[in-house]
Amino acid sequence: MTPLHRERMIGILWVSAIIIIWSAFHLSGRLSVQFTLTPFDLTTLRVCVAGIIFFPWLLKYGLGGISFWQALLIALTAGPGFSVFAFGGYMFAPAAHGATILAGTLPLFTAPLAWWLINERMGTWRVISVTMIFAGAMFLVLDASESGAPNEWVGDLSFFVGAASWSLFGVLVRKWNVMPLRSAAIVATFTFAIYTPIQLLFLPSGLLEASWEEITAQWVFQGLIVFMGSTVGYPRAVAALGAIPTATAVAVVPAAVALIAWYVLGEPLSGIAAGGVTLVVVGMMAGGLPNRRRDRNLP
């Protein structure tokens, strides 16, 4: 096997792992909030392991030229700004809605934020992508209003807020040129140091009532597998395969979650919801297509 083939195989393995991890995140998020732990607890468990691991690294290498307040904003948008609303949404809305909105609508929020903050214009395929994603998201909103489930729209709204927060994080780290490892260290360390004491003292918690088995399972899965796996795995896949193939492959996550949730959680999709998921997935794939004008300028 040549080095090129070996690198490609490594990329395929990492992409496969990321798809599994992210699908499991949405399914476990839907299950977790049905038990003892609150969304605030799950956010703490998500960052406590990484916060402890990254703290010495951040002390040694610092913030990389950004200010304390910039680092705090990065931590808020990718930490509680994302996790609390993501887990909170699963208290009201099904897994398919969460996976589709949280993963699928990122381009919908990123496009205007990138235009505003870093003057990044959209190519033709990006416009098509955002249009399809917006249409799919509206299908899910319509499904929530007609489902008859109490407060399902609250869950969808929470997912939209979480996606917007994560999109802002992504644009900010590009604007301030924060490398992936440093951004992960900032999010984990700042969230653990600042958010966790506030959560334990003032926010609703089920940690004292939850079993050690439940806490340990979430600690290992959210803190080690999801947070650390995504931090290491996604950049590694991009390095091996490229950003466009990686992003396009990850677009299958909403569809995979919808099918698994139907079978495992007993959450069937209505025709409207299925149409929404399909539009978002196809829109995500369209967003991964290269812009023709940009390609013609390549050597």
C-alpha atoms as a PDB file:
ATOM      1  CA  MET A   1       0.000   0.000   0.000  1.00  0.00           C
ATOM      2  CA  THR A   2       1.427   3.353  -1.051  1.00  0.00           C
ATOM      3  CA  PRO A   3       1.587   6.275   1.419  1.00  0.00           C
ATOM      4  CA  LEU A   4      -1.166   8.038  -0.561  1.00  0.00           C
ATOM      5  CA  HIS A   5      -3.490   5.031  -0.330  1.00  0.00           C
ATOM      6  CA  ARG A   6      -2.667   4.610   3.352  1.00  0.00           C
ATOM      7  CA  GLU A   7      -3.486   8.254   4.053  1.00  0.00           C
ATOM      8  CA  ARG A   8      -6.749   7.947   2.135  1.00  0.00           C
ATOM      9  CA  MET A   9      -7.695   4.843   4.109  1.00  0.00           C
ATOM     10  CA  ILE A  10      -6.956   6.664   7.370  1.00  0.00           C
ATOM     11  CA  GLY A  11      -9.214   9.504   6.241  1.00  0.00           C
ATOM     12  CA  ILE A  12     -12.040   7.112   5.358  1.00  0.00           C
ATOM     13  CA  LEU A  13     -11.738   5.431   8.755  1.00  0.00           C
ATOM     14  CA  TRP A  14     -11.848   8.782  10.554  1.00  0.00           C
ATOM     15  CA  VAL A  15     -14.856   9.958   8.540  1.00  0.00           C
ATOM     16  CA  SER A  16     -16.663   6.708   9.345  1.00  0.00           C
ATOM     17  CA  ALA A  17     -15.844   7.154  13.023  1.00  0.00           C
ATOM     18  CA  ILE A  18     -17.087  10.765  13.003  1.00  0.00           C
ATOM     19  CA  ILE A  19     -20.378   9.760  11.364  1.00  0.00           C
ATOM     20  CA  ILE A  20     -20.903   7.095  14.032  1.00  0.00           C
ATOM     21  CA  ILE A  21     -19.893   9.420  16.880  1.00  0.00           C
ATOM     22  CA  TRP A  22     -22.076  12.315  15.748  1.00  0.00           C
ATOM     23  CA  SER A  23     -25.049  10.046  15.083  1.00  0.00           C
ATOM     24  CA  ALA A  24     -24.650   8.526  18.535  1.00  0.00           C
ATOM     25  CA  PHE A  25     -24.408  12.025  20.056  1.00  0.00           C
ATOM     26  CA  HIS A  26     -27.861  12.961  18.765  1.00  0.00           C
ATOM     27  CA  LEU A  27     -29.434   9.651  19.741  1.00  0.00           C
ATOM     28  CA  SER A  28     -27.879   9.676  23.214  1.00  0.00           C
ATOM     29  CA  GLY A  29     -28.849  13.337  23.644  1.00  0.00           C
ATOM     30  CA  ARG A  30     -32.483  12.438  23.059  1.00  0.00           C
ATOM     31  CA  LEU A  31     -32.258   9.537  25.521  1.00  0.00           C
ATOM     32  CA  SER A  32     -30.185  11.288  28.188  1.00  0.00           C
ATOM     33  CA  VAL A  33     -32.613  14.104  28.974  1.00  0.00           C
ATOM     34  CA  GLN A  34     -35.408  11.586  29.515  1.00  0.00           C
ATOM     35  CA  PHE A  35     -33.694  10.362  32.685  1.00  0.00           C
ATOM     36  CA  THR A  36     -32.169  12.205  35.664  1.00  0.00           C
ATOM     37  CA  LEU A  37     -29.503  14.497  34.255  1.00  0.00           C
ATOM     38  CA  THR A  38     -30.402  17.987  33.037  1.00  0.00           C
ATOM     39  CA  PRO A  39     -29.000  19.733  29.938  1.00  0.00           C
ATOM     40  CA  PHE A  40     -26.831  21.787  32.311  1.00  0.00           C
ATOM     41  CA  ASP A  41     -25.384  18.590  33.800  1.00  0.00           C
ATOM     42  CA  LEU A  42     -24.654  17.118  30.387  1.00  0.00           C
ATOM     43  CA  THR A  43     -22.830  20.290  29.361  1.00  0.00           C
ATOM     44  CA  THR A  44     -20.595  20.013  32.432  1.00  0.00           C
ATOM     45  CA  LEU A  45     -19.882  16.337  31.800  1.00  0.00           C
ATOM     46  CA  ARG A  46     -19.118  17.155  28.164  1.00  0.00           C
ATOM     47  CA  VAL A  47     -16.228  19.489  29.037  1.00  0.00           C
ATOM     48  CA  CYS A  48     -14.925  18.319  32.415  1.00  0.00           C
ATOM     49  CA  VAL A  49     -12.560  15.678  31.032  1.00  0.00           C
ATOM     50  CA  ALA A  50     -11.235  17.851  28.216  1.00  0.00           C
ATOM     51  CA  GLY A  51     -11.005  20.858  30.534  1.00  0.00           C
ATOM     52  CA  ILE A  52      -8.725  18.997  32.925  1.00  0.00           C
ATOM     53  CA  ILE A  53      -6.624  17.600  30.069  1.00  0.00           C
ATOM     54  CA  PHE A  54      -6.247  20.902  28.199  1.00  0.00           C
ATOM     55  CA  PHE A  55      -5.655  23.158  31.227  1.00  0.00           C
ATOM     56  CA  PRO A  56      -1.868  22.511  31.470  1.00  0.00           C
ATOM     57  CA  TRP A  57      -1.553  22.844  27.689  1.00  0.00           C
ATOM     58  CA  LEU A  58      -3.312  26.212  27.699  1.00  0.00           C
ATOM     59  CA  LEU A  59      -1.133  27.436  30.578  1.00  0.00           C
ATOM     60  CA  LYS A  60       1.981  26.520  28.616  1.00  0.00           C
ATOM     61  CA  TYR A  61       1.029  27.771  25.153  1.00  0.00           C
ATOM     62  CA  GLY A  62      -1.397  30.568  25.989  1.00  0.00           C
ATOM     63  CA  LEU A  63      -4.252  32.086  24.011  1.00  0.00           C
ATOM     64  CA  GLY A  64      -2.286  32.611  20.818  1.00  0.00           C
ATOM     65  CA  GLY A  65      -2.576  36.374  20.662  1.00  0.00           C
ATOM     66  CA  ILE A  66      -6.301  36.802  21.303  1.00  0.00           C
ATOM     67  CA  SER A  67      -7.629  38.603  24.380  1.00  0.00           C
ATOM     68  CA  PHE A  68      -9.299  37.057  27.419  1.00  0.00           C
ATOM     69  CA  TRP A  69     -12.671  38.398  26.292  1.00  0.00           C
ATOM     70  CA  GLN A  70     -12.268  36.979  22.812  1.00  0.00           C
ATOM     71  CA  ALA A  71     -11.402  33.595  24.321  1.00  0.00           C
ATOM     72  CA  LEU A  72     -14.413  33.851  26.622  1.00  0.00           C
ATOM     73  CA  LEU A  73     -16.724  34.531  23.671  1.00  0.00           C
ATOM     74  CA  ILE A  74     -15.298  31.540  21.811  1.00  0.00           C
ATOM     75  CA  ALA A  75     -15.888  29.360  24.874  1.00  0.00           C
ATOM     76  CA  LEU A  76     -19.446  30.602  25.398  1.00  0.00           C
ATOM     77  CA  THR A  77     -20.507  30.018  21.800  1.00  0.00           C
ATOM     78  CA  ALA A  78     -19.076  26.499  21.480  1.00  0.00           C
ATOM     79  CA  GLY A  79     -19.587  25.495  25.120  1.00  0.00           C
ATOM     80  CA  PRO A  80     -22.867  26.261  26.909  1.00  0.00           C
ATOM     81  CA  GLY A  81     -24.182  28.284  23.968  1.00  0.00           C
ATOM     82  CA  PHE A  82     -24.256  25.100  21.923  1.00  0.00           C
ATOM     83  CA  SER A  83     -24.561  22.267  24.435  1.00  0.00           C
ATOM     84  CA  VAL A  84     -27.268  23.651  26.731  1.00  0.00           C
ATOM     85  CA  PHE A  85     -29.563  24.439  23.810  1.00  0.00           C
ATOM     86  CA  ALA A  86     -28.764  21.199  21.985  1.00  0.00           C
ATOM     87  CA  PHE A  87     -29.499  18.995  24.985  1.00  0.00           C
ATOM     88  CA  GLY A  88     -32.388  21.233  26.033  1.00  0.00           C
ATOM     89  CA  GLY A  89     -34.023  20.830  22.646  1.00  0.00           C
ATOM     90  CA  TYR A  90     -34.082  17.076  23.055  1.00  0.00           C
ATOM     91  CA  MET A  91     -36.394  17.466  26.039  1.00  0.00           C
ATOM     92  CA  PHE A  92     -39.153  18.452  23.596  1.00  0.00           C
ATOM     93  CA  ALA A  93     -38.270  17.440  20.028  1.00  0.00           C
ATOM     94  CA  PRO A  94     -37.352  14.099  18.399  1.00  0.00           C
ATOM     95  CA  ALA A  95     -33.856  13.006  17.438  1.00  0.00           C
ATOM     96  CA  ALA A  96     -34.397  13.501  13.692  1.00  0.00           C
ATOM     97  CA  HIS A  97     -35.280  17.161  14.240  1.00  0.00           C
ATOM     98  CA  GLY A  98     -32.212  17.700  16.411  1.00  0.00           C
ATOM     99  CA  ALA A  99     -29.742  16.050  14.052  1.00  0.00           C
ATOM    100  CA  THR A 100     -31.173  17.818  11.014  1.00  0.00           C
ATOM    101  CA  ILE A 101     -31.327  21.288  12.550  1.00  0.00           C
ATOM    102  CA  LEU A 102     -28.108  21.179  14.591  1.00  0.00           C
ATOM    103  CA  ALA A 103     -25.983  19.740  11.791  1.00  0.00           C
ATOM    104  CA  GLY A 104     -27.886  20.838   8.718  1.00  0.00           C
ATOM    105  CA  THR A 105     -28.587  24.493   9.427  1.00  0.00           C
ATOM    106  CA  LEU A 106     -24.991  25.440  10.212  1.00  0.00           C
ATOM    107  CA  PRO A 107     -24.482  26.791   6.656  1.00  0.00           C
ATOM    108  CA  LEU A 108     -27.737  28.734   7.012  1.00  0.00           C
ATOM    109  CA  PHE A 109     -26.316  30.738   9.917  1.00  0.00           C
ATOM    110  CA  THR A 110     -22.665  30.633   8.893  1.00  0.00           C
ATOM    111  CA  ALA A 111     -23.247  32.284   5.504  1.00  0.00           C
ATOM    112  CA  PRO A 112     -24.610  35.634   6.787  1.00  0.00           C
ATOM    113  CA  LEU A 113     -22.237  35.648   9.762  1.00  0.00           C
ATOM    114  CA  ALA A 114     -19.233  35.045   7.494  1.00  0.00           C
ATOM    115  CA  TRP A 115     -20.405  37.787   5.121  1.00  0.00           C
ATOM    116  CA  TRP A 116     -20.821  40.197   8.038  1.00  0.00           C
ATOM    117  CA  LEU A 117     -17.701  39.399  10.069  1.00  0.00           C
ATOM    118  CA  ILE A 118     -15.097  38.261   7.532  1.00  0.00           C
ATOM    119  CA  ASN A 119     -16.541  39.563   4.248  1.00  0.00           C
ATOM    120  CA  GLU A 120     -16.879  36.084   2.748  1.00  0.00           C
ATOM    121  CA  ARG A 121     -19.205  35.969  -0.233  1.00  0.00           C
ATOM    122  CA  MET A 122     -21.305  32.993  -1.242  1.00  0.00           C
ATOM    123  CA  GLY A 123     -20.738  31.132  -4.492  1.00  0.00           C
ATOM    124  CA  THR A 124     -23.525  29.703  -6.626  1.00  0.00           C
ATOM    125  CA  TRP A 125     -23.589  26.312  -4.956  1.00  0.00           C
ATOM    126  CA  ARG A 126     -23.539  27.888  -1.506  1.00  0.00           C
ATOM    127  CA  VAL A 127     -26.624  29.947  -2.394  1.00  0.00           C
ATOM    128  CA  ILE A 128     -28.393  26.819  -3.658  1.00  0.00           C
ATOM    129  CA  SER A 129     -27.314  24.955  -0.530  1.00  0.00           C
ATOM    130  CA  VAL A 130     -28.573  27.606   1.885  1.00  0.00           C
ATOM    131  CA  THR A 131     -31.882  27.888   0.008  1.00  0.00           C
ATOM    132  CA  MET A 132     -32.502  24.132   0.186  1.00  0.00           C
ATOM    133  CA  ILE A 133     -31.502  23.971   3.840  1.00  0.00           C
ATOM    134  CA  PHE A 134     -33.828  26.849   4.702  1.00  0.00           C
ATOM    135  CA  ALA A 135     -36.703  25.125   2.895  1.00  0.00           C
ATOM    136  CA  GLY A 136     -35.975  21.864   4.720  1.00  0.00           C
ATOM    137  CA  ALA A 137     -35.834  23.645   8.071  1.00  0.00           C
ATOM    138  CA  MET A 138     -39.226  25.226   7.394  1.00  0.00           C
ATOM    139  CA  PHE A 139     -40.612  21.756   6.663  1.00  0.00           C
ATOM    140  CA  LEU A 140     -39.477  20.673  10.138  1.00  0.00           C
ATOM    141  CA  VAL A 141     -41.026  23.751  11.738  1.00  0.00           C
ATOM    142  CA  LEU A 142     -44.287  22.941   9.946  1.00  0.00           C
ATOM    143  CA  ASP A 143     -44.048  19.345  11.129  1.00  0.00           C
ATOM    144  CA  ALA A 144     -43.570  20.523  14.726  1.00  0.00           C
ATOM    145  CA  SER A 145     -46.650  22.736  14.513  1.00  0.00           C
ATOM    146  CA  GLU A 146     -48.808  19.921  13.144  1.00  0.00           C
ATOM    147  CA  SER A 147     -47.452  17.002  15.168  1.00  0.00           C
ATOM    148  CA  GLY A 148     -49.685  17.577  18.173  1.00  0.00           C
ATOM    149  CA  ALA A 149     -46.736  17.001  20.524  1.00  0.00           C
ATOM    150  CA  PRO A 150     -46.683  19.619  23.299  1.00  0.00           C
ATOM    151  CA  ASN A 151     -43.895  22.182  22.965  1.00  0.00           C
ATOM    152  CA  GLU A 152     -42.119  20.397  20.112  1.00  0.00           C
ATOM    153  CA  TRP A 153     -41.626  23.822  18.566  1.00  0.00           C
ATOM    154  CA  VAL A 154     -39.705  24.835  21.703  1.00  0.00           C
ATOM    155  CA  GLY A 155     -37.259  22.019  21.025  1.00  0.00           C
ATOM    156  CA  ASP A 156     -36.810  23.075  17.409  1.00  0.00           C
ATOM    157  CA  LEU A 157     -36.262  26.700  18.456  1.00  0.00           C
ATOM    158  CA  SER A 158     -33.647  25.546  20.955  1.00  0.00           C
ATOM    159  CA  PHE A 159     -31.869  23.585  18.213  1.00  0.00           C
ATOM    160  CA  PHE A 160     -31.814  26.672  15.987  1.00  0.00           C
ATOM    161  CA  VAL A 161     -30.226  28.718  18.794  1.00  0.00           C
ATOM    162  CA  GLY A 162     -27.609  26.011  19.357  1.00  0.00           C
ATOM    163  CA  ALA A 163     -26.788  25.863  15.641  1.00  0.00           C
ATOM    164  CA  ALA A 164     -26.511  29.653  15.444  1.00  0.00           C
ATOM    165  CA  SER A 165     -24.176  29.680  18.445  1.00  0.00           C
ATOM    166  CA  TRP A 166     -21.921  27.013  16.927  1.00  0.00           C
ATOM    167  CA  SER A 167     -21.894  28.860  13.593  1.00  0.00           C
ATOM    168  CA  LEU A 168     -20.766  32.038  15.349  1.00  0.00           C
ATOM    169  CA  PHE A 169     -17.992  30.059  17.030  1.00  0.00           C
ATOM    170  CA  GLY A 170     -16.817  28.740  13.670  1.00  0.00           C
ATOM    171  CA  VAL A 171     -16.708  32.203  12.115  1.00  0.00           C
ATOM    172  CA  LEU A 172     -14.971  33.767  15.126  1.00  0.00           C
ATOM    173  CA  VAL A 173     -12.120  31.258  15.175  1.00  0.00           C
ATOM    174  CA  ARG A 174     -11.586  31.951  11.462  1.00  0.00           C
ATOM    175  CA  LYS A 175     -11.730  35.724  11.957  1.00  0.00           C
ATOM    176  CA  TRP A 176      -9.221  35.605  14.804  1.00  0.00           C
ATOM    177  CA  ASN A 177      -7.141  32.817  13.206  1.00  0.00           C
ATOM    178  CA  VAL A 178      -7.403  30.417  16.138  1.00  0.00           C
ATOM    179  CA  MET A 179      -6.042  26.969  15.344  1.00  0.00           C
ATOM    180  CA  PRO A 180      -8.278  23.894  16.001  1.00  0.00           C
ATOM    181  CA  LEU A 181      -6.287  22.523  18.935  1.00  0.00           C
ATOM    182  CA  ARG A 182      -6.112  25.912  20.653  1.00  0.00           C
ATOM    183  CA  SER A 183      -9.834  26.563  20.100  1.00  0.00           C
ATOM    184  CA  ALA A 184     -10.663  23.168  21.613  1.00  0.00           C
ATOM    185  CA  ALA A 185      -8.424  23.939  24.595  1.00  0.00           C
ATOM    186  CA  ILE A 186     -10.053  27.349  25.085  1.00  0.00           C
ATOM    187  CA  VAL A 187     -13.594  25.967  24.883  1.00  0.00           C
ATOM    188  CA  ALA A 188     -12.912  23.081  27.256  1.00  0.00           C
ATOM    189  CA  THR A 189     -10.824  24.975  29.823  1.00  0.00           C
ATOM    190  CA  PHE A 190     -12.866  28.185  29.983  1.00  0.00           C
ATOM    191  CA  THR A 191     -16.189  26.340  30.080  1.00  0.00           C
ATOM    192  CA  PHE A 192     -14.973  24.000  32.793  1.00  0.00           C
ATOM    193  CA  ALA A 193     -13.436  26.796  34.890  1.00  0.00           C
ATOM    194  CA  ILE A 194     -16.233  29.373  34.564  1.00  0.00           C
ATOM    195  CA  TYR A 195     -19.454  27.575  33.653  1.00  0.00           C
ATOM    196  CA  THR A 196     -19.138  24.471  35.852  1.00  0.00           C
ATOM    197  CA  PRO A 197     -19.061  26.299  39.239  1.00  0.00           C
ATOM    198  CA  ILE A 198     -22.075  28.389  38.191  1.00  0.00           C
ATOM    199  CA  GLN A 199     -23.920  25.268  37.076  1.00  0.00           C
ATOM    200  CA  LEU A 200     -23.205  23.330  40.258  1.00  0.00           C
ATOM    201  CA  LEU A 201     -24.202  26.228  42.530  1.00  0.00           C
ATOM    202  CA  PHE A 202     -27.147  27.847  40.786  1.00  0.00           C
ATOM    203  CA  LEU A 203     -28.582  25.846  37.870  1.00  0.00           C
ATOM    204  CA  PRO A 204     -30.982  22.871  37.975  1.00  0.00           C
ATOM    205  CA  SER A 205     -29.070  19.635  38.407  1.00  0.00           C
ATOM    206  CA  GLY A 206     -29.763  15.949  38.756  1.00  0.00           C
ATOM    207  CA  LEU A 207     -26.206  14.909  39.553  1.00  0.00           C
ATOM    208  CA  LEU A 208     -27.020  14.035  43.170  1.00  0.00           C
ATOM    209  CA  GLU A 209     -29.976  11.884  42.139  1.00  0.00           C
ATOM    210  CA  ALA A 210     -28.350  10.203  39.129  1.00  0.00           C
ATOM    211  CA  SER A 211     -26.662   6.836  39.475  1.00  0.00           C
ATOM    212  CA  TRP A 212     -22.910   6.529  39.148  1.00  0.00           C
ATOM    213  CA  GLU A 213     -23.480   4.335  36.108  1.00  0.00           C
ATOM    214  CA  GLU A 214     -25.433   7.086  34.332  1.00  0.00           C
ATOM    215  CA  ILE A 215     -22.900   9.785  35.244  1.00  0.00           C
ATOM    216  CA  THR A 216     -19.925   7.639  34.226  1.00  0.00           C
ATOM    217  CA  ALA A 217     -21.526   6.675  30.923  1.00  0.00           C
ATOM    218  CA  GLN A 218     -22.167  10.316  30.002  1.00  0.00           C
ATOM    219  CA  TRP A 219     -18.750  11.382  31.282  1.00  0.00           C
ATOM    220  CA  VAL A 220     -17.007   8.820  29.079  1.00  0.00           C
ATOM    221  CA  PHE A 221     -19.219   9.287  26.025  1.00  0.00           C
ATOM    222  CA  GLN A 222     -19.715  13.069  26.018  1.00  0.00           C
ATOM    223  CA  GLY A 223     -16.353  14.015  27.508  1.00  0.00           C
ATOM    224  CA  LEU A 224     -14.031  11.511  25.883  1.00  0.00           C
ATOM    225  CA  ILE A 225     -15.623  10.038  22.785  1.00  0.00           C
ATOM    226  CA  VAL A 226     -17.681  12.952  21.433  1.00  0.00           C
ATOM    227  CA  PHE A 227     -15.644  16.005  22.446  1.00  0.00           C
ATOM    228  CA  MET A 228     -12.167  14.564  22.087  1.00  0.00           C
ATOM    229  CA  GLY A 229     -13.045  12.353  19.121  1.00  0.00           C
ATOM    230  CA  SER A 230     -14.537  15.232  17.167  1.00  0.00           C
ATOM    231  CA  THR A 231     -11.671  17.558  18.067  1.00  0.00           C
ATOM    232  CA  VAL A 232      -9.046  15.110  16.833  1.00  0.00           C
ATOM    233  CA  GLY A 233     -10.968  13.128  14.235  1.00  0.00           C
ATOM    234  CA  TYR A 234     -12.574  15.764  12.043  1.00  0.00           C
ATOM    235  CA  PRO A 235      -9.386  17.794  11.390  1.00  0.00           C
ATOM    236  CA  ARG A 236      -7.540  14.509  10.716  1.00  0.00           C
ATOM    237  CA  ALA A 237     -10.155  13.468   8.163  1.00  0.00           C
ATOM    238  CA  VAL A 238      -9.966  16.875   6.480  1.00  0.00           C
ATOM    239  CA  ALA A 239      -6.174  16.610   6.311  1.00  0.00           C
ATOM    240  CA  ALA A 240      -6.389  13.177   4.673  1.00  0.00           C
ATOM    241  CA  LEU A 241      -9.351  13.619   2.319  1.00  0.00           C
ATOM    242  CA  GLY A 242      -9.906  17.363   2.001  1.00  0.00           C
ATOM    243  CA  ALA A 243     -12.578  19.636   3.428  1.00  0.00           C
ATOM    244  CA  ILE A 244     -15.174  19.144   0.678  1.00  0.00           C
ATOM    245  CA  PRO A 245     -15.260  15.297   0.641  1.00  0.00           C
ATOM    246  CA  THR A 246     -15.296  15.235   4.446  1.00  0.00           C
ATOM    247  CA  ALA A 247     -18.149  17.723   4.770  1.00  0.00           C
ATOM    248  CA  THR A 248     -20.141  15.941   2.069  1.00  0.00           C
ATOM    249  CA  ALA A 249     -19.719  12.563   3.766  1.00  0.00           C
ATOM    250  CA  VAL A 250     -20.804  13.952   7.137  1.00  0.00           C
ATOM    251  CA  ALA A 251     -24.027  15.161   5.486  1.00  0.00           C
ATOM    252  CA  VAL A 252     -25.433  11.643   5.913  1.00  0.00           C
ATOM    253  CA  VAL A 253     -25.677  12.132   9.701  1.00  0.00           C
ATOM    254  CA  PRO A 254     -29.229  13.608   9.766  1.00  0.00           C
ATOM    255  CA  ALA A 255     -30.573  10.825   7.543  1.00  0.00           C
ATOM    256  CA  ALA A 256     -28.795   8.147   9.576  1.00  0.00           C
ATOM    257  CA  VAL A 257     -30.152   9.527  12.849  1.00  0.00           C
ATOM    258  CA  ALA A 258     -33.677   9.757  11.432  1.00  0.00           C
ATOM    259  CA  LEU A 259     -33.646   6.111  10.352  1.00  0.00           C
ATOM    260  CA  ILE A 260     -32.076   4.809  13.570  1.00  0.00           C
ATOM    261  CA  ALA A 261     -34.411   6.886  15.761  1.00  0.00           C
ATOM    262  CA  TRP A 262     -37.382   5.488  13.860  1.00  0.00           C
ATOM    263  CA  TYR A 263     -36.226   1.931  14.559  1.00  0.00           C
ATOM    264  CA  VAL A 264     -34.643   2.250  18.025  1.00  0.00           C
ATOM    265  CA  LEU A 265     -36.537   5.106  19.702  1.00  0.00           C
ATOM    266  CA  GLY A 266     -39.891   4.562  18.032  1.00  0.00           C
ATOM    267  CA  GLU A 267     -39.929   8.061  16.502  1.00  0.00           C
ATOM    268  CA  PRO A 268     -41.400   7.660  12.995  1.00  0.00           C
ATOM    269  CA  LEU A 269     -41.041  10.453  10.476  1.00  0.00           C
ATOM    270  CA  SER A 270     -44.080  12.110   8.982  1.00  0.00           C
ATOM    271  CA  GLY A 271     -44.054  12.848   5.267  1.00  0.00           C
ATOM    272  CA  ILE A 272     -43.367  16.515   5.987  1.00  0.00           C
ATOM    273  CA  ALA A 273     -40.448  15.708   8.295  1.00  0.00           C
ATOM    274  CA  ALA A 274     -38.985  13.209   5.821  1.00  0.00           C
ATOM    275  CA  GLY A 275     -39.146  15.869   3.118  1.00  0.00           C
ATOM    276  CA  GLY A 276     -37.416  18.336   5.413  1.00  0.00           C
ATOM    277  CA  VAL A 277     -34.610  15.918   6.271  1.00  0.00           C
ATOM    278  CA  THR A 278     -34.116  15.104   2.582  1.00  0.00           C
ATOM    279  CA  LEU A 279     -33.927  18.762   1.570  1.00  0.00           C
ATOM    280  CA  VAL A 280     -31.403  19.537   4.306  1.00  0.00           C
ATOM    281  CA  VAL A 281     -29.176  16.541   3.468  1.00  0.00           C
ATOM    282  CA  VAL A 282     -29.172  17.353  -0.258  1.00  0.00           C
ATOM    283  CA  GLY A 283     -28.550  21.012   0.573  1.00  0.00           C
ATOM    284  CA  MET A 284     -25.561  20.077   2.734  1.00  0.00           C
ATOM    285  CA  MET A 285     -24.142  18.025  -0.131  1.00  0.00           C
ATOM    286  CA  ALA A 286     -24.713  20.872  -2.589  1.00  0.00           C
ATOM    287  CA  GLY A 287     -22.805  23.172  -0.265  1.00  0.00           C
ATOM    288  CA  GLY A 288     -19.828  20.833  -0.526  1.00  0.00           C
ATOM    289  CA  LEU A 289     -19.576  21.204  -4.309  1.00  0.00           C
ATOM    290  CA  PRO A 290     -16.728  23.445  -5.466  1.00  0.00           C
ATOM    291  CA  ASN A 291     -17.450  26.836  -6.922  1.00  0.00           C
ATOM    292  CA  ARG A 292     -16.764  26.744 -10.673  1.00  0.00           C
ATOM    293  CA  ARG A 293     -15.237  30.201 -10.830  1.00  0.00           C
ATOM    294  CA  ARG A 294     -12.865  29.383  -8.000  1.00  0.00           C
ATOM    295  CA  ASP A 295     -11.915  26.072  -9.648  1.00  0.00           C
ATOM    296  CA  ARG A 296     -11.046  27.764 -12.944  1.00  0.00           C
ATOM    297  CA  ASN A 297      -8.527  29.919 -11.108  1.00  0.00           C
ATOM    298  CA  LEU A 298      -6.727  26.930  -9.662  1.00  0.00           C
ATOM    299  CA  PRO A 299      -3.371  26.067 -11.266  1.00  0.00           C
END
